[in-house]
Amino acid sequence: MASPAYRAQSEDTDVDVDRFLVDLWRRAPAWKKAEMVTRLCRAAEDLALVGLRSRHPSAPLEEIRLRLASLRLDRETMIEVYDWDPLLRGTG
């Protein structure tokens, strides 16, 4: 049971469940944490790609990749590296 002072990270999560998950994370070896973060990043990218594809169904893959990059990078970098101006051509 969690101490009375412990607060869950999210209001919709039971305190005991939250505490269990935090303890599990603390006990995990570094390689496992890195693996979990990598999987979460890939999942987030996959979701972003699905969203981009649904908003731009006829766009070629290269355009989808540029739109994904424009969600991560600032305008100046997009223009310098990819010759893509998000203000003119759009972002996600």
N, C-alpha and C. Protein backbone atom coordinates (compact mmCIF):
# COMPACT_ATOMS: atom_id res chain seq x y z
N MET A 1 0.84 -1.19 0.00
CA MET A 1 0.00 0.00 0.00
C MET A 1 0.88 1.25 0.00
N ALA A 2 0.50 2.25 -0.78
CA ALA A 2 1.27 3.48 -0.88
C ALA A 2 1.11 4.31 0.38
N SER A 3 2.13 5.11 0.67
CA SER A 3 2.05 5.98 1.84
C SER A 3 0.97 7.04 1.60
N PRO A 4 0.38 7.58 2.68
CA PRO A 4 -0.69 8.57 2.51
C PRO A 4 -0.24 9.83 1.76
N ALA A 5 1.06 10.13 1.80
CA ALA A 5 1.56 11.33 1.13
C ALA A 5 1.78 11.12 -0.37
N TYR A 6 1.79 9.87 -0.81
CA TYR A 6 2.06 9.57 -2.22
C TYR A 6 0.86 9.95 -3.08
N ARG A 7 1.13 10.64 -4.18
CA ARG A 7 0.08 11.00 -5.14
C ARG A 7 0.36 10.34 -6.47
N ALA A 8 -0.67 9.82 -7.09
CA ALA A 8 -0.52 9.20 -8.41
C ALA A 8 -0.13 10.25 -9.44
N GLN A 9 0.56 9.83 -10.48
CA GLN A 9 1.00 10.74 -11.53
C GLN A 9 -0.17 11.24 -12.37
N SER A 10 -1.26 10.49 -12.37
CA SER A 10 -2.44 10.85 -13.14
C SER A 10 -3.68 10.68 -12.26
N GLU A 11 -4.61 11.59 -12.38
CA GLU A 11 -5.81 11.54 -11.54
C GLU A 11 -6.66 10.31 -11.78
N ASP A 12 -6.57 9.70 -12.96
CA ASP A 12 -7.42 8.55 -13.26
C ASP A 12 -6.74 7.20 -12.96
N THR A 13 -5.62 7.23 -12.26
CA THR A 13 -4.89 6.01 -11.91
C THR A 13 -4.94 5.79 -10.41
N ASP A 14 -5.29 4.58 -10.01
CA ASP A 14 -5.30 4.22 -8.60
C ASP A 14 -3.88 4.40 -8.04
N VAL A 15 -3.79 4.92 -6.83
CA VAL A 15 -2.49 5.20 -6.21
C VAL A 15 -1.65 3.93 -6.10
N ASP A 16 -2.24 2.82 -5.70
CA ASP A 16 -1.48 1.57 -5.56
C ASP A 16 -0.95 1.08 -6.90
N VAL A 17 -1.74 1.21 -7.93
CA VAL A 17 -1.30 0.81 -9.27
C VAL A 17 -0.18 1.72 -9.73
N ASP A 18 -0.33 3.00 -9.52
CA ASP A 18 0.70 3.96 -9.91
C ASP A 18 2.01 3.65 -9.19
N ARG A 19 1.94 3.42 -7.91
CA ARG A 19 3.13 3.11 -7.12
C ARG A 19 3.81 1.84 -7.63
N PHE A 20 3.00 0.82 -7.95
CA PHE A 20 3.54 -0.42 -8.49
C PHE A 20 4.31 -0.16 -9.79
N LEU A 21 3.72 0.65 -10.68
CA LEU A 21 4.37 0.94 -11.96
C LEU A 21 5.65 1.74 -11.78
N VAL A 22 5.64 2.69 -10.86
CA VAL A 22 6.84 3.49 -10.60
C VAL A 22 7.94 2.59 -10.03
N ASP A 23 7.59 1.71 -9.11
CA ASP A 23 8.59 0.79 -8.55
C ASP A 23 9.13 -0.15 -9.63
N LEU A 24 8.26 -0.62 -10.50
CA LEU A 24 8.69 -1.48 -11.59
C LEU A 24 9.69 -0.76 -12.49
N TRP A 25 9.40 0.48 -12.80
CA TRP A 25 10.29 1.30 -13.63
C TRP A 25 11.64 1.50 -12.93
N ARG A 26 11.62 1.78 -11.65
CA ARG A 26 12.87 1.99 -10.90
C ARG A 26 13.74 0.74 -10.87
N ARG A 27 13.12 -0.42 -10.78
CA ARG A 27 13.87 -1.67 -10.69
C ARG A 27 14.36 -2.17 -12.05
N ALA A 28 13.81 -1.66 -13.13
CA ALA A 28 14.19 -2.13 -14.46
C ALA A 28 15.63 -1.74 -14.77
N PRO A 29 16.38 -2.64 -15.41
CA PRO A 29 17.75 -2.29 -15.81
C PRO A 29 17.73 -1.23 -16.91
N ALA A 30 18.83 -0.53 -17.04
CA ALA A 30 18.93 0.57 -18.00
C ALA A 30 18.60 0.12 -19.42
N TRP A 31 19.06 -1.08 -19.81
CA TRP A 31 18.81 -1.54 -21.17
C TRP A 31 17.31 -1.72 -21.42
N LYS A 32 16.58 -2.15 -20.39
CA LYS A 32 15.14 -2.35 -20.53
C LYS A 32 14.42 -1.01 -20.65
N LYS A 33 14.86 -0.03 -19.85
CA LYS A 33 14.27 1.31 -19.95
C LYS A 33 14.50 1.90 -21.33
N ALA A 34 15.72 1.73 -21.85
CA ALA A 34 16.04 2.25 -23.18
C ALA A 34 15.17 1.57 -24.24
N GLU A 35 14.98 0.28 -24.09
CA GLU A 35 14.12 -0.46 -25.02
C GLU A 35 12.68 0.05 -24.97
N MET A 36 12.17 0.29 -23.77
CA MET A 36 10.80 0.79 -23.63
C MET A 36 10.65 2.18 -24.25
N VAL A 37 11.62 3.05 -24.02
CA VAL A 37 11.56 4.40 -24.58
C VAL A 37 11.62 4.33 -26.10
N THR A 38 12.49 3.47 -26.63
CA THR A 38 12.60 3.32 -28.08
C THR A 38 11.27 2.86 -28.67
N ARG A 39 10.64 1.89 -28.04
CA ARG A 39 9.34 1.40 -28.53
C ARG A 39 8.27 2.49 -28.46
N LEU A 40 8.28 3.27 -27.38
CA LEU A 40 7.30 4.36 -27.27
C LEU A 40 7.53 5.42 -28.34
N CYS A 41 8.79 5.73 -28.63
CA CYS A 41 9.09 6.70 -29.68
C CYS A 41 8.64 6.20 -31.04
N ARG A 42 8.88 4.92 -31.31
CA ARG A 42 8.43 4.35 -32.59
C ARG A 42 6.91 4.35 -32.69
N ALA A 43 6.25 4.04 -31.59
CA ALA A 43 4.79 4.04 -31.60
C ALA A 43 4.26 5.45 -31.85
N ALA A 44 4.88 6.45 -31.22
CA ALA A 44 4.46 7.84 -31.43
C ALA A 44 4.66 8.26 -32.88
N GLU A 45 5.78 7.85 -33.47
CA GLU A 45 6.03 8.17 -34.87
C GLU A 45 5.02 7.47 -35.78
N ASP A 46 4.73 6.22 -35.48
CA ASP A 46 3.73 5.49 -36.28
C ASP A 46 2.37 6.18 -36.21
N LEU A 47 1.98 6.63 -35.03
CA LEU A 47 0.71 7.35 -34.89
C LEU A 47 0.72 8.66 -35.67
N ALA A 48 1.84 9.37 -35.61
CA ALA A 48 1.95 10.62 -36.36
C ALA A 48 1.83 10.35 -37.86
N LEU A 49 2.47 9.28 -38.33
CA LEU A 49 2.39 8.94 -39.76
C LEU A 49 0.97 8.57 -40.17
N VAL A 50 0.26 7.86 -39.32
CA VAL A 50 -1.14 7.51 -39.61
C VAL A 50 -1.97 8.80 -39.72
N GLY A 51 -1.75 9.72 -38.79
CA GLY A 51 -2.47 10.99 -38.83
C GLY A 51 -2.15 11.79 -40.09
N LEU A 52 -0.88 11.84 -40.46
CA LEU A 52 -0.49 12.55 -41.67
C LEU A 52 -1.10 11.91 -42.91
N ARG A 53 -1.07 10.59 -42.96
CA ARG A 53 -1.64 9.89 -44.11
C ARG A 53 -3.15 10.12 -44.21
N SER A 54 -3.82 10.19 -43.05
CA SER A 54 -5.27 10.42 -43.10
C SER A 54 -5.60 11.85 -43.53
N ARG A 55 -4.74 12.80 -43.20
CA ARG A 55 -4.97 14.20 -43.60
C ARG A 55 -4.52 14.47 -45.03
N HIS A 56 -3.59 13.65 -45.53
CA HIS A 56 -3.05 13.85 -46.88
C HIS A 56 -3.01 12.51 -47.61
N PRO A 57 -4.16 11.93 -47.90
CA PRO A 57 -4.20 10.56 -48.44
C PRO A 57 -3.54 10.38 -49.80
N SER A 58 -3.47 11.42 -50.59
CA SER A 58 -2.86 11.26 -51.92
C SER A 58 -1.40 11.72 -51.97
N ALA A 59 -0.87 12.15 -50.85
CA ALA A 59 0.51 12.62 -50.82
C ALA A 59 1.48 11.46 -50.97
N PRO A 60 2.54 11.65 -51.75
CA PRO A 60 3.56 10.60 -51.88
C PRO A 60 4.32 10.43 -50.56
N LEU A 61 4.97 9.30 -50.41
CA LEU A 61 5.69 8.99 -49.17
C LEU A 61 6.71 10.06 -48.81
N GLU A 62 7.43 10.58 -49.79
CA GLU A 62 8.43 11.61 -49.51
C GLU A 62 7.80 12.85 -48.89
N GLU A 63 6.64 13.25 -49.38
CA GLU A 63 5.94 14.40 -48.80
C GLU A 63 5.50 14.10 -47.37
N ILE A 64 5.02 12.90 -47.13
CA ILE A 64 4.61 12.53 -45.77
C ILE A 64 5.81 12.61 -44.83
N ARG A 65 6.96 12.14 -45.29
CA ARG A 65 8.17 12.21 -44.47
C ARG A 65 8.58 13.65 -44.20
N LEU A 66 8.45 14.51 -45.19
CA LEU A 66 8.77 15.92 -44.99
C LEU A 66 7.80 16.56 -44.00
N ARG A 67 6.54 16.22 -44.10
CA ARG A 67 5.56 16.75 -43.15
C ARG A 67 5.85 16.26 -41.73
N LEU A 68 6.27 15.01 -41.61
CA LEU A 68 6.66 14.50 -40.30
C LEU A 68 7.86 15.27 -39.76
N ALA A 69 8.84 15.48 -40.59
CA ALA A 69 10.02 16.25 -40.16
C ALA A 69 9.63 17.66 -39.74
N SER A 70 8.67 18.25 -40.46
CA SER A 70 8.26 19.63 -40.14
C SER A 70 7.55 19.74 -38.80
N LEU A 71 7.08 18.60 -38.28
CA LEU A 71 6.48 18.61 -36.95
C LEU A 71 7.55 18.63 -35.86
N ARG A 72 8.76 18.23 -36.21
CA ARG A 72 9.85 18.13 -35.24
C ARG A 72 10.86 19.27 -35.33
N LEU A 73 11.04 19.78 -36.54
CA LEU A 73 12.11 20.75 -36.77
C LEU A 73 11.56 22.15 -36.96
N ASP A 74 12.38 23.14 -36.67
CA ASP A 74 11.95 24.52 -36.87
C ASP A 74 11.99 24.86 -38.36
N ARG A 75 11.33 25.94 -38.69
CA ARG A 75 11.17 26.35 -40.10
C ARG A 75 12.52 26.55 -40.80
N GLU A 76 13.45 27.22 -40.14
CA GLU A 76 14.74 27.50 -40.76
C GLU A 76 15.49 26.21 -41.10
N THR A 77 15.44 25.24 -40.21
CA THR A 77 16.10 23.96 -40.48
C THR A 77 15.42 23.23 -41.63
N MET A 78 14.10 23.26 -41.66
CA MET A 78 13.37 22.61 -42.76
C MET A 78 13.77 23.21 -44.11
N ILE A 79 13.89 24.52 -44.15
CA ILE A 79 14.25 25.18 -45.41
C ILE A 79 15.70 24.86 -45.77
N GLU A 80 16.60 24.95 -44.81
CA GLU A 80 18.02 24.74 -45.07
C GLU A 80 18.32 23.28 -45.46
N VAL A 81 17.76 22.35 -44.73
CA VAL A 81 18.11 20.94 -44.95
C VAL A 81 17.26 20.30 -46.05
N TYR A 82 15.97 20.61 -46.08
CA TYR A 82 15.06 19.91 -46.98
C TYR A 82 14.48 20.79 -48.10
N ASP A 83 14.80 22.09 -48.08
CA ASP A 83 14.22 23.02 -49.04
C ASP A 83 12.69 22.94 -49.00
N TRP A 84 12.15 22.87 -47.78
CA TRP A 84 10.70 22.74 -47.55
C TRP A 84 10.32 23.85 -46.58
N ASP A 85 9.50 24.79 -47.04
CA ASP A 85 9.04 25.86 -46.16
C ASP A 85 7.66 25.49 -45.63
N PRO A 86 7.59 25.15 -44.35
CA PRO A 86 6.30 24.74 -43.77
C PRO A 86 5.21 25.82 -43.87
N LEU A 87 5.60 27.08 -43.91
CA LEU A 87 4.59 28.14 -44.05
C LEU A 87 3.96 28.13 -45.44
N LEU A 88 4.73 27.76 -46.45
CA LEU A 88 4.21 27.74 -47.81
C LEU A 88 3.62 26.38 -48.20
N ARG A 89 4.26 25.31 -47.75
CA ARG A 89 3.86 23.98 -48.19
C ARG A 89 3.07 23.20 -47.14
N GLY A 90 3.09 23.69 -45.93
CA GLY A 90 2.33 23.06 -44.88
C GLY A 90 3.15 22.13 -43.99
N THR A 91 2.59 21.87 -42.83
CA THR A 91 3.17 20.91 -41.90
C THR A 91 2.23 19.72 -41.88
N GLY A 92 2.17 19.07 -40.73
CA GLY A 92 1.28 17.93 -40.58
C GLY A 92 -0.13 18.26 -40.94
